[in-house]
Amino acid sequence: MRCNSCGKLIRIENSIIREDVFEAVKEWGYFSKKDLEIHKFNLCEECYDKITSSFIIPVEINSKNEVMGL
């Protein structure tokens, strides 16, 4: 797996991603120039921070208190 912005190789060991990435998936609907296409990309944390820091309206951030295990 690679970051779509900078090309950084995301570390995977024993089929487990060893660093978190931002994954975006968009299924385009009608009334766009991309009708019925599915776009997907990954960003490393550094690229995510760089891109979102340029937003006029900041990213909404919430915290959660626990993580559910599988």
PDB file of N, CA and C in Angstrom:
ATOM      1  N   MET A   1       0.844  -1.173   0.000  1.00  0.00           N
ATOM      2  CA  MET A   1       0.000   0.000   0.000  1.00  0.00           C
ATOM      3  C   MET A   1       0.889   1.236   0.000  1.00  0.00           C
ATOM      4  N   ARG A   2       0.479   2.259  -0.744  1.00  0.00           N
ATOM      5  CA  ARG A   2       1.230   3.511  -0.822  1.00  0.00           C
ATOM      6  C   ARG A   2       0.297   4.698  -0.603  1.00  0.00           C
ATOM      7  N   CYS A   3       0.854   5.782  -0.100  1.00  0.00           N
ATOM      8  CA  CYS A   3       0.137   7.047   0.007  1.00  0.00           C
ATOM      9  C   CYS A   3      -0.045   7.579  -1.409  1.00  0.00           C
ATOM     10  N   ASN A   4      -1.261   7.902  -1.775  1.00  0.00           N
ATOM     11  CA  ASN A   4      -1.523   8.413  -3.116  1.00  0.00           C
ATOM     12  C   ASN A   4      -0.958   9.813  -3.340  1.00  0.00           C
ATOM     13  N   SER A   5      -0.652  10.544  -2.279  1.00  0.00           N
ATOM     14  CA  SER A   5      -0.137  11.900  -2.434  1.00  0.00           C
ATOM     15  C   SER A   5       1.379  11.922  -2.588  1.00  0.00           C
ATOM     16  N   CYS A   6       2.100  11.320  -1.651  1.00  0.00           N
ATOM     17  CA  CYS A   6       3.570  11.395  -1.678  1.00  0.00           C
ATOM     18  C   CYS A   6       4.228  10.112  -2.157  1.00  0.00           C
ATOM     19  N   GLY A   7       3.476   9.023  -2.255  1.00  0.00           N
ATOM     20  CA  GLY A   7       4.026   7.750  -2.707  1.00  0.00           C
ATOM     21  C   GLY A   7       4.691   6.921  -1.631  1.00  0.00           C
ATOM     22  N   LYS A   8       4.661   7.404  -0.382  1.00  0.00           N
ATOM     23  CA  LYS A   8       5.294   6.683   0.721  1.00  0.00           C
ATOM     24  C   LYS A   8       4.729   5.268   0.840  1.00  0.00           C
ATOM     25  N   LEU A   9       5.618   4.309   1.028  1.00  0.00           N
ATOM     26  CA  LEU A   9       5.222   2.927   1.242  1.00  0.00           C
ATOM     27  C   LEU A   9       4.715   2.793   2.681  1.00  0.00           C
ATOM     28  N   ILE A  10       3.509   2.287   2.841  1.00  0.00           N
ATOM     29  CA  ILE A  10       2.920   2.089   4.165  1.00  0.00           C
ATOM     30  C   ILE A  10       3.385   0.725   4.685  1.00  0.00           C
ATOM     31  N   ARG A  11       3.960   0.717   5.890  1.00  0.00           N
ATOM     32  CA  ARG A  11       4.540  -0.497   6.475  1.00  0.00           C
ATOM     33  C   ARG A  11       3.472  -1.547   6.764  1.00  0.00           C
ATOM     34  N   ILE A  12       3.692  -2.740   6.247  1.00  0.00           N
ATOM     35  CA  ILE A  12       2.815  -3.881   6.531  1.00  0.00           C
ATOM     36  C   ILE A  12       3.702  -5.032   6.980  1.00  0.00           C
ATOM     37  N   GLU A  13       3.383  -5.603   8.150  1.00  0.00           N
ATOM     38  CA  GLU A  13       4.116  -6.753   8.672  1.00  0.00           C
ATOM     39  C   GLU A  13       3.124  -7.853   9.009  1.00  0.00           C
ATOM     40  N   ASN A  14       3.368  -9.049   8.523  1.00  0.00           N
ATOM     41  CA  ASN A  14       2.484 -10.193   8.769  1.00  0.00           C
ATOM     42  C   ASN A  14       1.036  -9.866   8.414  1.00  0.00           C
ATOM     43  N   SER A  15       0.851  -9.186   7.273  1.00  0.00           N
ATOM     44  CA  SER A  15      -0.470  -8.803   6.758  1.00  0.00           C
ATOM     45  C   SER A  15      -1.202  -7.792   7.645  1.00  0.00           C
ATOM     46  N   ILE A  16      -0.465  -7.103   8.527  1.00  0.00           N
ATOM     47  CA  ILE A  16      -1.063  -6.099   9.406  1.00  0.00           C
ATOM     48  C   ILE A  16      -0.445  -4.745   9.085  1.00  0.00           C
ATOM     49  N   ILE A  17      -1.299  -3.747   8.823  1.00  0.00           N
ATOM     50  CA  ILE A  17      -0.807  -2.391   8.570  1.00  0.00           C
ATOM     51  C   ILE A  17      -0.227  -1.855   9.871  1.00  0.00           C
ATOM     52  N   ARG A  18       1.036  -1.419   9.845  1.00  0.00           N
ATOM     53  CA  ARG A  18       1.737  -1.004  11.057  1.00  0.00           C
ATOM     54  C   ARG A  18       1.726   0.506  11.281  1.00  0.00           C
ATOM     55  N   GLU A  19       1.045   1.240  10.422  1.00  0.00           N
ATOM     56  CA  GLU A  19       0.822   2.663  10.653  1.00  0.00           C
ATOM     57  C   GLU A  19      -0.531   2.998  10.045  1.00  0.00           C
ATOM     58  N   ASP A  20      -1.221   3.929  10.656  1.00  0.00           N
ATOM     59  CA  ASP A  20      -2.578   4.219  10.211  1.00  0.00           C
ATOM     60  C   ASP A  20      -2.563   5.087   8.962  1.00  0.00           C
ATOM     61  N   VAL A  21      -3.578   4.934   8.133  1.00  0.00           N
ATOM     62  CA  VAL A  21      -3.732   5.732   6.927  1.00  0.00           C
ATOM     63  C   VAL A  21      -5.163   6.241   6.857  1.00  0.00           C
ATOM     64  N   PHE A  22      -5.340   7.332   6.124  1.00  0.00           N
ATOM     65  CA  PHE A  22      -6.673   7.844   5.845  1.00  0.00           C
ATOM     66  C   PHE A  22      -7.114   7.228   4.530  1.00  0.00           C
ATOM     67  N   GLU A  23      -8.239   6.521   4.543  1.00  0.00           N
ATOM     68  CA  GLU A  23      -8.763   5.911   3.333  1.00  0.00           C
ATOM     69  C   GLU A  23     -10.049   6.618   2.948  1.00  0.00           C
ATOM     70  N   ALA A  24     -10.113   7.097   1.727  1.00  0.00           N
ATOM     71  CA  ALA A  24     -11.330   7.751   1.230  1.00  0.00           C
ATOM     72  C   ALA A  24     -11.901   6.908   0.097  1.00  0.00           C
ATOM     73  N   VAL A  25     -13.216   6.727   0.148  1.00  0.00           N
ATOM     74  CA  VAL A  25     -13.923   6.040  -0.918  1.00  0.00           C
ATOM     75  C   VAL A  25     -15.147   6.887  -1.261  1.00  0.00           C
ATOM     76  N   LYS A  26     -15.297   7.211  -2.523  1.00  0.00           N
ATOM     77  CA  LYS A  26     -16.434   8.005  -2.974  1.00  0.00           C
ATOM     78  C   LYS A  26     -17.115   7.302  -4.128  1.00  0.00           C
ATOM     79  N   GLU A  27     -18.385   6.993  -3.950  1.00  0.00           N
ATOM     80  CA  GLU A  27     -19.203   6.445  -5.027  1.00  0.00           C
ATOM     81  C   GLU A  27     -19.986   7.602  -5.619  1.00  0.00           C
ATOM     82  N   TRP A  28     -19.609   8.009  -6.814  1.00  0.00           N
ATOM     83  CA  TRP A  28     -20.244   9.152  -7.457  1.00  0.00           C
ATOM     84  C   TRP A  28     -21.623   8.768  -7.968  1.00  0.00           C
ATOM     85  N   GLY A  29     -22.573   9.630  -7.728  1.00  0.00           N
ATOM     86  CA  GLY A  29     -23.935   9.407  -8.186  1.00  0.00           C
ATOM     87  C   GLY A  29     -24.209  10.207  -9.441  1.00  0.00           C
ATOM     88  N   TYR A  30     -25.470  10.339  -9.727  1.00  0.00           N
ATOM     89  CA  TYR A  30     -25.880  11.121 -10.889  1.00  0.00           C
ATOM     90  C   TYR A  30     -25.643  12.593 -10.611  1.00  0.00           C
ATOM     91  N   PHE A  31     -25.706  13.395 -11.644  1.00  0.00           N
ATOM     92  CA  PHE A  31     -25.520  14.849 -11.584  1.00  0.00           C
ATOM     93  C   PHE A  31     -24.073  15.232 -11.327  1.00  0.00           C
ATOM     94  N   SER A  32     -23.149  14.343 -11.652  1.00  0.00           N
ATOM     95  CA  SER A  32     -21.722  14.672 -11.605  1.00  0.00           C
ATOM     96  C   SER A  32     -21.131  14.254 -12.950  1.00  0.00           C
ATOM     97  N   LYS A  33     -19.911  14.640 -13.172  1.00  0.00           N
ATOM     98  CA  LYS A  33     -19.229  14.212 -14.396  1.00  0.00           C
ATOM     99  C   LYS A  33     -18.583  12.844 -14.221  1.00  0.00           C
ATOM    100  N   LYS A  34     -18.815  12.218 -13.062  1.00  0.00           N
ATOM    101  CA  LYS A  34     -18.224  10.915 -12.751  1.00  0.00           C
ATOM    102  C   LYS A  34     -19.309   9.893 -12.423  1.00  0.00           C
ATOM    103  N   ASP A  35     -20.463  10.042 -13.049  1.00  0.00           N
ATOM    104  CA  ASP A  35     -21.616   9.199 -12.740  1.00  0.00           C
ATOM    105  C   ASP A  35     -21.240   7.723 -12.625  1.00  0.00           C
ATOM    106  N   LEU A  36     -21.551   7.129 -11.483  1.00  0.00           N
ATOM    107  CA  LEU A  36     -21.416   5.700 -11.194  1.00  0.00           C
ATOM    108  C   LEU A  36     -19.976   5.210 -11.121  1.00  0.00           C
ATOM    109  N   GLU A  37     -18.998   6.115 -11.027  1.00  0.00           N
ATOM    110  CA  GLU A  37     -17.614   5.709 -10.798  1.00  0.00           C
ATOM    111  C   GLU A  37     -17.358   5.623  -9.296  1.00  0.00           C
ATOM    112  N   ILE A  38     -16.437   4.756  -8.900  1.00  0.00           N
ATOM    113  CA  ILE A  38     -16.018   4.644  -7.499  1.00  0.00           C
ATOM    114  C   ILE A  38     -14.555   5.043  -7.430  1.00  0.00           C
ATOM    115  N   HIS A  39     -14.255   6.080  -6.662  1.00  0.00           N
ATOM    116  CA  HIS A  39     -12.886   6.559  -6.499  1.00  0.00           C
ATOM    117  C   HIS A  39     -12.401   6.203  -5.099  1.00  0.00           C
ATOM    118  N   LYS A  40     -11.154   5.773  -4.985  1.00  0.00           N
ATOM    119  CA  LYS A  40     -10.590   5.376  -3.704  1.00  0.00           C
ATOM    120  C   LYS A  40      -9.144   5.836  -3.643  1.00  0.00           C
ATOM    121  N   PHE A  41      -8.720   6.374  -2.477  1.00  0.00           N
ATOM    122  CA  PHE A  41      -7.315   6.717  -2.294  1.00  0.00           C
ATOM    123  C   PHE A  41      -6.944   6.644  -0.828  1.00  0.00           C
ATOM    124  N   ASN A  42      -5.637   6.548  -0.587  1.00  0.00           N
ATOM    125  CA  ASN A  42      -5.083   6.486   0.769  1.00  0.00           C
ATOM    126  C   ASN A  42      -4.104   7.633   0.960  1.00  0.00           C
ATOM    127  N   LEU A  43      -4.069   8.185   2.178  1.00  0.00           N
ATOM    128  CA  LEU A  43      -3.112   9.223   2.533  1.00  0.00           C
ATOM    129  C   LEU A  43      -2.392   8.820   3.808  1.00  0.00           C
ATOM    130  N   CYS A  44      -1.058   8.992   3.833  1.00  0.00           N
ATOM    131  CA  CYS A  44      -0.340   8.808   5.089  1.00  0.00           C
ATOM    132  C   CYS A  44      -0.730   9.966   6.019  1.00  0.00           C
ATOM    133  N   GLU A  45      -0.403   9.842   7.284  1.00  0.00           N
ATOM    134  CA  GLU A  45      -0.808  10.858   8.253  1.00  0.00           C
ATOM    135  C   GLU A  45      -0.206  12.227   7.938  1.00  0.00           C
ATOM    136  N   GLU A  46       1.026  12.251   7.466  1.00  0.00           N
ATOM    137  CA  GLU A  46       1.683  13.529   7.146  1.00  0.00           C
ATOM    138  C   GLU A  46       0.966  14.239   6.003  1.00  0.00           C
ATOM    139  N   CYS A  47       0.596  13.513   4.960  1.00  0.00           N
ATOM    140  CA  CYS A  47      -0.116  14.125   3.830  1.00  0.00           C
ATOM    141  C   CYS A  47      -1.520  14.549   4.229  1.00  0.00           C
ATOM    142  N   TYR A  48      -2.174  13.740   5.049  1.00  0.00           N
ATOM    143  CA  TYR A  48      -3.495  14.115   5.555  1.00  0.00           C
ATOM    144  C   TYR A  48      -3.415  15.446   6.300  1.00  0.00           C
ATOM    145  N   ASP A  49      -2.418  15.576   7.193  1.00  0.00           N
ATOM    146  CA  ASP A  49      -2.259  16.818   7.958  1.00  0.00           C
ATOM    147  C   ASP A  49      -1.983  17.995   7.042  1.00  0.00           C
ATOM    148  N   LYS A  50      -1.132  17.799   6.039  1.00  0.00           N
ATOM    149  CA  LYS A  50      -0.786  18.878   5.120  1.00  0.00           C
ATOM    150  C   LYS A  50      -2.016  19.341   4.335  1.00  0.00           C
ATOM    151  N   ILE A  51      -2.785  18.395   3.834  1.00  0.00           N
ATOM    152  CA  ILE A  51      -3.956  18.733   3.021  1.00  0.00           C
ATOM    153  C   ILE A  51      -5.043  19.381   3.881  1.00  0.00           C
ATOM    154  N   THR A  52      -5.351  18.781   5.022  1.00  0.00           N
ATOM    155  CA  THR A  52      -6.450  19.311   5.835  1.00  0.00           C
ATOM    156  C   THR A  52      -6.098  20.633   6.507  1.00  0.00           C
ATOM    157  N   SER A  53      -4.824  20.915   6.707  1.00  0.00           N
ATOM    158  CA  SER A  53      -4.453  22.196   7.323  1.00  0.00           C
ATOM    159  C   SER A  53      -4.739  23.371   6.392  1.00  0.00           C
ATOM    160  N   SER A  54      -4.943  23.106   5.103  1.00  0.00           N
ATOM    161  CA  SER A  54      -5.241  24.182   4.160  1.00  0.00           C
ATOM    162  C   SER A  54      -6.745  24.441   4.020  1.00  0.00           C
ATOM    163  N   PHE A  55      -7.581  23.657   4.690  1.00  0.00           N
ATOM    164  CA  PHE A  55      -9.027  23.833   4.595  1.00  0.00           C
ATOM    165  C   PHE A  55      -9.458  25.153   5.223  1.00  0.00           C
ATOM    166  N   ILE A  56     -10.370  25.854   4.576  1.00  0.00           N
ATOM    167  CA  ILE A  56     -10.964  27.063   5.150  1.00  0.00           C
ATOM    168  C   ILE A  56     -11.841  26.681   6.350  1.00  0.00           C
ATOM    169  N   ILE A  57     -12.640  25.641   6.183  1.00  0.00           N
ATOM    170  CA  ILE A  57     -13.473  25.111   7.275  1.00  0.00           C
ATOM    171  C   ILE A  57     -12.740  23.886   7.804  1.00  0.00           C
ATOM    172  N   PRO A  58     -12.311  23.919   9.062  1.00  0.00           N
ATOM    173  CA  PRO A  58     -11.490  22.814   9.571  1.00  0.00           C
ATOM    174  C   PRO A  58     -12.249  21.492   9.653  1.00  0.00           C
ATOM    175  N   VAL A  59     -11.497  20.423   9.664  1.00  0.00           N
ATOM    176  CA  VAL A  59     -12.045  19.079   9.838  1.00  0.00           C
ATOM    177  C   VAL A  59     -12.719  19.004  11.202  1.00  0.00           C
ATOM    178  N   GLU A  60     -13.885  18.390  11.255  1.00  0.00           N
ATOM    179  CA  GLU A  60     -14.566  18.172  12.530  1.00  0.00           C
ATOM    180  C   GLU A  60     -13.882  17.001  13.227  1.00  0.00           C
ATOM    181  N   ILE A  61     -13.470  17.207  14.458  1.00  0.00           N
ATOM    182  CA  ILE A  61     -12.751  16.171  15.199  1.00  0.00           C
ATOM    183  C   ILE A  61     -13.531  15.850  16.474  1.00  0.00           C
ATOM    184  N   ASN A  62     -13.804  14.572  16.671  1.00  0.00           N
ATOM    185  CA  ASN A  62     -14.454  14.082  17.888  1.00  0.00           C
ATOM    186  C   ASN A  62     -13.556  13.008  18.485  1.00  0.00           C
ATOM    187  N   SER A  63     -13.684  12.780  19.764  1.00  0.00           N
ATOM    188  CA  SER A  63     -12.907  11.733  20.434  1.00  0.00           C
ATOM    189  C   SER A  63     -13.823  10.610  20.839  1.00  0.00           C
ATOM    190  N   LYS A  64     -13.246   9.414  20.902  1.00  0.00           N
ATOM    191  CA  LYS A  64     -14.014   8.296  21.457  1.00  0.00           C
ATOM    192  C   LYS A  64     -13.252   7.780  22.670  1.00  0.00           C
ATOM    193  N   ASN A  65     -13.985   7.173  23.584  1.00  0.00           N
ATOM    194  CA  ASN A  65     -13.424   6.784  24.871  1.00  0.00           C
ATOM    195  C   ASN A  65     -12.884   5.365  24.919  1.00  0.00           C
ATOM    196  N   GLU A  66     -13.304   4.526  23.973  1.00  0.00           N
ATOM    197  CA  GLU A  66     -12.839   3.148  23.986  1.00  0.00           C
ATOM    198  C   GLU A  66     -12.778   2.596  22.584  1.00  0.00           C
ATOM    199  N   VAL A  67     -11.970   1.576  22.413  1.00  0.00           N
ATOM    200  CA  VAL A  67     -11.838   0.908  21.123  1.00  0.00           C
ATOM    201  C   VAL A  67     -12.351  -0.518  21.301  1.00  0.00           C
ATOM    202  N   MET A  68     -13.234  -0.909  20.424  1.00  0.00           N
ATOM    203  CA  MET A  68     -13.799  -2.261  20.499  1.00  0.00           C
ATOM    204  C   MET A  68     -12.848  -3.237  19.812  1.00  0.00           C
ATOM    205  N   GLY A  69     -12.529  -4.331  20.450  1.00  0.00           N
ATOM    206  CA  GLY A  69     -11.692  -5.369  19.869  1.00  0.00           C
ATOM    207  C   GLY A  69     -12.516  -6.323  19.047  1.00  0.00           C
ATOM    208  N   LEU A  70     -11.856  -7.050  18.176  1.00  0.00           N
ATOM    209  CA  LEU A  70     -12.563  -8.036  17.356  1.00  0.00           C
ATOM    210  C   LEU A  70     -12.575  -9.381  18.009  1.00  0.00           C
TER     211      LEU A  70
END
